[in-house]
């Protein structure tokens, strides 16, 4: 339960944010938006954990 209070956000602030999102996007669009945000976060984490490769050297044409 401590994870909900990271950054000083309490239960009332989280409920207020959820209510505002519901009013802005509606009940049908909100799950779609959250799913997209989750996929974006997952892709970002995967990219951060991916080993760094030097792709620029592979793309340079061979020198004569």
PDB file of N, CA and C in Angstrom:
ATOM      1  N   UNK A   1       0.818  -1.199   0.000  1.00  0.00           N
ATOM      2  CA  UNK A   1       0.000   0.000   0.000  1.00  0.00           C
ATOM      3  C   UNK A   1       0.861   1.263   0.000  1.00  0.00           C
ATOM      4  N   UNK A   2       2.135   1.132   0.360  1.00  0.00           N
ATOM      5  CA  UNK A   2       3.022   2.291   0.383  1.00  0.00           C
ATOM      6  C   UNK A   2       3.287   2.851  -1.011  1.00  0.00           C
ATOM      7  N   UNK A   3       3.138   2.020  -2.043  1.00  0.00           N
ATOM      8  CA  UNK A   3       3.416   2.464  -3.398  1.00  0.00           C
ATOM      9  C   UNK A   3       2.445   3.559  -3.852  1.00  0.00           C
ATOM     10  N   UNK A   4       1.244   3.587  -3.297  1.00  0.00           N
ATOM     11  CA  UNK A   4       0.275   4.606  -3.682  1.00  0.00           C
ATOM     12  C   UNK A   4       0.652   5.996  -3.180  1.00  0.00           C
ATOM     13  N   UNK A   5       1.485   6.051  -2.185  1.00  0.00           N
ATOM     14  CA  UNK A   5       1.780   7.333  -1.558  1.00  0.00           C
ATOM     15  C   UNK A   5       3.140   7.891  -1.960  1.00  0.00           C
ATOM     16  N   UNK A   6       3.721   7.375  -3.023  1.00  0.00           N
ATOM     17  CA  UNK A   6       4.994   7.895  -3.515  1.00  0.00           C
ATOM     18  C   UNK A   6       4.780   9.309  -4.038  1.00  0.00           C
ATOM     19  N   UNK A   7       5.677  10.207  -3.677  1.00  0.00           N
ATOM     20  CA  UNK A   7       5.595  11.575  -4.157  1.00  0.00           C
ATOM     21  C   UNK A   7       4.571  12.410  -3.417  1.00  0.00           C
ATOM     22  N   UNK A   8       4.098  11.934  -2.283  1.00  0.00           N
ATOM     23  CA  UNK A   8       3.164  12.707  -1.489  1.00  0.00           C
ATOM     24  C   UNK A   8       1.730  12.652  -1.992  1.00  0.00           C
ATOM     25  N   UNK A   9       1.419  11.731  -2.912  1.00  0.00           N
ATOM     26  CA  UNK A   9       0.038  11.601  -3.387  1.00  0.00           C
ATOM     27  C   UNK A   9      -0.738  10.721  -2.421  1.00  0.00           C
ATOM     28  N   UNK A  10      -1.804  11.253  -1.920  1.00  0.00           N
ATOM     29  CA  UNK A  10      -2.665  10.497  -1.027  1.00  0.00           C
ATOM     30  C   UNK A  10      -3.847   9.917  -1.767  1.00  0.00           C
ATOM     31  N   UNK A  11      -4.695   9.235  -1.042  1.00  0.00           N
ATOM     32  CA  UNK A  11      -5.862   8.595  -1.634  1.00  0.00           C
ATOM     33  C   UNK A  11      -6.804   9.625  -2.257  1.00  0.00           C
ATOM     34  N   UNK A  12      -7.001  10.739  -1.584  1.00  0.00           N
ATOM     35  CA  UNK A  12      -7.927  11.742  -2.117  1.00  0.00           C
ATOM     36  C   UNK A  12      -7.395  12.367  -3.407  1.00  0.00           C
ATOM     37  N   UNK A  13      -6.083  12.576  -3.507  1.00  0.00           N
ATOM     38  CA  UNK A  13      -5.516  13.138  -4.728  1.00  0.00           C
ATOM     39  C   UNK A  13      -5.633  12.157  -5.887  1.00  0.00           C
ATOM     40  N   UNK A  14      -5.399  10.874  -5.609  1.00  0.00           N
ATOM     41  CA  UNK A  14      -5.507   9.860  -6.655  1.00  0.00           C
ATOM     42  C   UNK A  14      -6.943   9.756  -7.144  1.00  0.00           C
ATOM     43  N   UNK A  15      -7.901   9.789  -6.218  1.00  0.00           N
ATOM     44  CA  UNK A  15      -9.316   9.738  -6.601  1.00  0.00           C
ATOM     45  C   UNK A  15      -9.709  10.960  -7.431  1.00  0.00           C
ATOM     46  N   UNK A  16      -9.181  12.108  -7.090  1.00  0.00           N
ATOM     47  CA  UNK A  16      -9.461  13.326  -7.837  1.00  0.00           C
ATOM     48  C   UNK A  16      -8.901  13.231  -9.256  1.00  0.00           C
ATOM     49  N   UNK A  17      -7.716  12.688  -9.400  1.00  0.00           N
ATOM     50  CA  UNK A  17      -7.110  12.514 -10.720  1.00  0.00           C
ATOM     51  C   UNK A  17      -7.931  11.536 -11.558  1.00  0.00           C
ATOM     52  N   UNK A  18      -8.333  10.417 -10.956  1.00  0.00           N
ATOM     53  CA  UNK A  18      -9.144   9.423 -11.674  1.00  0.00           C
ATOM     54  C   UNK A  18     -10.476  10.023 -12.089  1.00  0.00           C
ATOM     55  N   UNK A  19     -11.098  10.785 -11.229  1.00  0.00           N
ATOM     56  CA  UNK A  19     -12.369  11.433 -11.554  1.00  0.00           C
ATOM     57  C   UNK A  19     -12.207  12.419 -12.709  1.00  0.00           C
ATOM     58  N   UNK A  20     -11.148  13.204 -12.676  1.00  0.00           N
ATOM     59  CA  UNK A  20     -10.891  14.154 -13.758  1.00  0.00           C
ATOM     60  C   UNK A  20     -10.670  13.425 -15.082  1.00  0.00           C
ATOM     61  N   UNK A  21      -9.928  12.317 -15.054  1.00  0.00           N
ATOM     62  CA  UNK A  21      -9.710  11.537 -16.270  1.00  0.00           C
ATOM     63  C   UNK A  21     -11.016  10.956 -16.795  1.00  0.00           C
ATOM     64  N   UNK A  22     -11.859  10.487 -15.885  1.00  0.00           N
ATOM     65  CA  UNK A  22     -13.160   9.957 -16.304  1.00  0.00           C
ATOM     66  C   UNK A  22     -14.022  11.031 -16.961  1.00  0.00           C
ATOM     67  N   UNK A  23     -14.003  12.226 -16.396  1.00  0.00           N
ATOM     68  CA  UNK A  23     -14.788  13.316 -16.969  1.00  0.00           C
ATOM     69  C   UNK A  23     -14.247  13.760 -18.325  1.00  0.00           C
ATOM     70  N   UNK A  24     -12.919  13.756 -18.476  1.00  0.00           N
ATOM     71  CA  UNK A  24     -12.318  14.205 -19.729  1.00  0.00           C
ATOM     72  C   UNK A  24     -12.468  13.194 -20.854  1.00  0.00           C
ATOM     73  N   UNK A  25     -12.241  11.916 -20.560  1.00  0.00           N
ATOM     74  CA  UNK A  25     -12.171  10.915 -21.617  1.00  0.00           C
ATOM     75  C   UNK A  25     -13.354   9.950 -21.646  1.00  0.00           C
ATOM     76  N   UNK A  26     -14.109   9.869 -20.588  1.00  0.00           N
ATOM     77  CA  UNK A  26     -15.251   8.961 -20.563  1.00  0.00           C
ATOM     78  C   UNK A  26     -14.854   7.553 -20.153  1.00  0.00           C
ATOM     79  N   UNK A  27     -15.838   6.779 -19.779  1.00  0.00           N
ATOM     80  CA  UNK A  27     -15.600   5.439 -19.262  1.00  0.00           C
ATOM     81  C   UNK A  27     -15.133   4.441 -20.306  1.00  0.00           C
ATOM     82  N   UNK A  28     -15.509   4.653 -21.560  1.00  0.00           N
ATOM     83  CA  UNK A  28     -15.137   3.700 -22.604  1.00  0.00           C
ATOM     84  C   UNK A  28     -13.712   3.925 -23.104  1.00  0.00           C
ATOM     85  N   UNK A  29     -13.264   5.148 -23.125  1.00  0.00           N
ATOM     86  CA  UNK A  29     -11.939   5.475 -23.678  1.00  0.00           C
ATOM     87  C   UNK A  29     -10.829   5.331 -22.637  1.00  0.00           C
ATOM     88  N   UNK A  30     -11.149   5.445 -21.373  1.00  0.00           N
ATOM     89  CA  UNK A  30     -10.134   5.432 -20.320  1.00  0.00           C
ATOM     90  C   UNK A  30      -9.339   4.127 -20.263  1.00  0.00           C
ATOM     91  N   UNK A  31      -9.952   2.939 -20.310  1.00  0.00           N
ATOM     92  CA  UNK A  31      -9.144   1.713 -20.297  1.00  0.00           C
ATOM     93  C   UNK A  31      -8.190   1.612 -21.488  1.00  0.00           C
ATOM     94  N   UNK A  32      -8.639   2.106 -22.640  1.00  0.00           N
ATOM     95  CA  UNK A  32      -7.791   2.119 -23.828  1.00  0.00           C
ATOM     96  C   UNK A  32      -6.565   3.004 -23.612  1.00  0.00           C
ATOM     97  N   UNK A  33      -6.771   4.169 -23.021  1.00  0.00           N
ATOM     98  CA  UNK A  33      -5.670   5.087 -22.753  1.00  0.00           C
ATOM     99  C   UNK A  33      -4.684   4.502 -21.747  1.00  0.00           C
ATOM    100  N   UNK A  34      -5.197   3.873 -20.701  1.00  0.00           N
ATOM    101  CA  UNK A  34      -4.329   3.276 -19.685  1.00  0.00           C
ATOM    102  C   UNK A  34      -3.532   2.105 -20.264  1.00  0.00           C
ATOM    103  N   UNK A  35      -4.168   1.323 -21.116  1.00  0.00           N
ATOM    104  CA  UNK A  35      -3.486   0.199 -21.764  1.00  0.00           C
ATOM    105  C   UNK A  35      -2.343   0.722 -22.637  1.00  0.00           C
ATOM    106  N   UNK A  36      -2.596   1.787 -23.378  1.00  0.00           N
ATOM    107  CA  UNK A  36      -1.563   2.391 -24.222  1.00  0.00           C
ATOM    108  C   UNK A  36      -0.426   2.965 -23.397  1.00  0.00           C
ATOM    109  N   UNK A  37      -0.766   3.579 -22.271  1.00  0.00           N
ATOM    110  CA  UNK A  37       0.273   4.127 -21.395  1.00  0.00           C
ATOM    111  C   UNK A  37       1.120   3.004 -20.810  1.00  0.00           C
ATOM    112  N   UNK A  38       0.484   1.904 -20.447  1.00  0.00           N
ATOM    113  CA  UNK A  38       1.225   0.760 -19.910  1.00  0.00           C
ATOM    114  C   UNK A  38       2.175   0.168 -20.932  1.00  0.00           C
ATOM    115  N   UNK A  39       1.708   0.074 -22.180  1.00  0.00           N
ATOM    116  CA  UNK A  39       2.574  -0.435 -23.247  1.00  0.00           C
ATOM    117  C   UNK A  39       3.754   0.505 -23.484  1.00  0.00           C
ATOM    118  N   UNK A  40       3.496   1.792 -23.433  1.00  0.00           N
ATOM    119  CA  UNK A  40       4.567   2.772 -23.619  1.00  0.00           C
ATOM    120  C   UNK A  40       5.617   2.677 -22.524  1.00  0.00           C
ATOM    121  N   UNK A  41       5.169   2.517 -21.296  1.00  0.00           N
ATOM    122  CA  UNK A  41       6.102   2.386 -20.174  1.00  0.00           C
ATOM    123  C   UNK A  41       6.911   1.107 -20.314  1.00  0.00           C
ATOM    124  N   UNK A  42       6.248   0.015 -20.730  1.00  0.00           N
ATOM    125  CA  UNK A  42       6.944  -1.262 -20.906  1.00  0.00           C
ATOM    126  C   UNK A  42       8.001  -1.151 -21.994  1.00  0.00           C
ATOM    127  N   UNK A  43       7.669  -0.516 -23.122  1.00  0.00           N
ATOM    128  CA  UNK A  43       8.633  -0.331 -24.198  1.00  0.00           C
ATOM    129  C   UNK A  43       9.809   0.517 -23.745  1.00  0.00           C
ATOM    130  N   UNK A  44       9.535   1.553 -22.961  1.00  0.00           N
ATOM    131  CA  UNK A  44      10.599   2.411 -22.447  1.00  0.00           C
ATOM    132  C   UNK A  44      11.537   1.625 -21.541  1.00  0.00           C
ATOM    133  N   UNK A  45      10.980   0.817 -20.642  1.00  0.00           N
ATOM    134  CA  UNK A  45      11.804   0.009 -19.745  1.00  0.00           C
ATOM    135  C   UNK A  45      12.632  -1.005 -20.523  1.00  0.00           C
ATOM    136  N   UNK A  46      12.022  -1.631 -21.536  1.00  0.00           N
ATOM    137  CA  UNK A  46      12.751  -2.587 -22.365  1.00  0.00           C
ATOM    138  C   UNK A  46      13.915  -1.911 -23.093  1.00  0.00           C
ATOM    139  N   UNK A  47      13.673  -0.707 -23.587  1.00  0.00           N
ATOM    140  CA  UNK A  47      14.727   0.029 -24.286  1.00  0.00           C
ATOM    141  C   UNK A  47      15.848   0.431 -23.328  1.00  0.00           C
ATOM    142  N   UNK A  48      15.495   0.749 -22.101  1.00  0.00           N
ATOM    143  CA  UNK A  48      16.514   1.122 -21.119  1.00  0.00           C
ATOM    144  C   UNK A  48      17.375  -0.076 -20.717  1.00  0.00           C
ATOM    145  N   UNK A  49      16.795  -1.280 -20.716  1.00  0.00           N
ATOM    146  CA  UNK A  49      17.527  -2.474 -20.314  1.00  0.00           C
ATOM    147  C   UNK A  49      18.257  -3.143 -21.470  1.00  0.00           C
ATOM    148  N   UNK A  50      18.000  -2.702 -22.690  1.00  0.00           N
ATOM    149  CA  UNK A  50      18.620  -3.282 -23.865  1.00  0.00           C
ATOM    150  C   UNK A  50      20.101  -2.902 -23.892  1.00  0.00           C
ATOM    151  N   UNK A  51      20.971  -3.862 -24.201  1.00  0.00           N
ATOM    152  CA  UNK A  51      22.403  -3.522 -24.252  1.00  0.00           C
ATOM    153  C   UNK A  51      22.689  -2.509 -25.354  1.00  0.00           C
ATOM    154  N   UNK A  52      23.612  -1.628 -25.089  1.00  0.00           N
ATOM    155  CA  UNK A  52      23.958  -0.573 -26.034  1.00  0.00           C
ATOM    156  C   UNK A  52      24.857  -1.163 -27.111  1.00  0.00           C
ATOM    157  N   UNK A  53      24.479  -0.955 -28.364  1.00  0.00           N
ATOM    158  CA  UNK A  53      25.293  -1.397 -29.486  1.00  0.00           C
ATOM    159  C   UNK A  53      25.670  -0.193 -30.319  1.00  0.00           C
ATOM    160  N   UNK A  54      26.745  -0.317 -31.019  1.00  0.00           N
ATOM    161  CA  UNK A  54      27.206   0.786 -31.854  1.00  0.00           C
ATOM    162  C   UNK A  54      26.658   0.584 -33.257  1.00  0.00           C
ATOM    163  N   UNK A  55      25.413   0.966 -33.467  1.00  0.00           N
ATOM    164  CA  UNK A  55      24.737   0.766 -34.747  1.00  0.00           C
ATOM    165  C   UNK A  55      25.266   1.704 -35.817  1.00  0.00           C
ATOM    166  N   UNK A  56      25.849   2.835 -35.423  1.00  0.00           N
ATOM    167  CA  UNK A  56      26.347   3.783 -36.408  1.00  0.00           C
ATOM    168  C   UNK A  56      27.486   3.189 -37.240  1.00  0.00           C
ATOM    169  N   UNK A  57      28.340   2.375 -36.629  1.00  0.00           N
ATOM    170  CA  UNK A  57      29.436   1.752 -37.367  1.00  0.00           C
ATOM    171  C   UNK A  57      28.916   0.756 -38.390  1.00  0.00           C
ATOM    172  N   UNK A  58      27.819   0.086 -38.105  1.00  0.00           N
ATOM    173  CA  UNK A  58      27.256  -0.886 -39.014  1.00  0.00           C
ATOM    174  C   UNK A  58      26.632  -0.204 -40.235  1.00  0.00           C
ATOM    175  N   UNK A  59      26.173   1.006 -40.090  1.00  0.00           N
ATOM    176  CA  UNK A  59      25.465   1.691 -41.173  1.00  0.00           C
ATOM    177  C   UNK A  59      26.389   2.489 -42.078  1.00  0.00           C
ATOM    178  N   UNK A  60      27.638   2.731 -41.647  1.00  0.00           N
ATOM    179  CA  UNK A  60      28.566   3.496 -42.467  1.00  0.00           C
ATOM    180  C   UNK A  60      28.992   2.654 -43.661  1.00  0.00           C
ATOM    181  N   UNK A  61      29.075   3.276 -44.845  1.00  0.00           N
ATOM    182  CA  UNK A  61      29.551   2.528 -46.010  1.00  0.00           C
ATOM    183  C   UNK A  61      31.041   2.229 -45.872  1.00  0.00           C
ATOM    184  N   UNK A  62      31.462   1.143 -46.455  1.00  0.00           N
ATOM    185  CA  UNK A  62      32.866   0.734 -46.381  1.00  0.00           C
ATOM    186  C   UNK A  62      33.724   1.751 -47.132  1.00  0.00           C
ATOM    187  N   UNK A  63      34.844   2.100 -46.531  1.00  0.00           N
ATOM    188  CA  UNK A  63      35.743   3.067 -47.156  1.00  0.00           C
ATOM    189  C   UNK A  63      36.579   2.373 -48.225  1.00  0.00           C
ATOM    190  N   UNK A  64      36.861   3.104 -49.293  1.00  0.00           N
ATOM    191  CA  UNK A  64      37.630   2.526 -50.396  1.00  0.00           C
ATOM    192  C   UNK A  64      39.099   2.605 -50.155  1.00  0.00           C
TER     193      UNK A  64
END
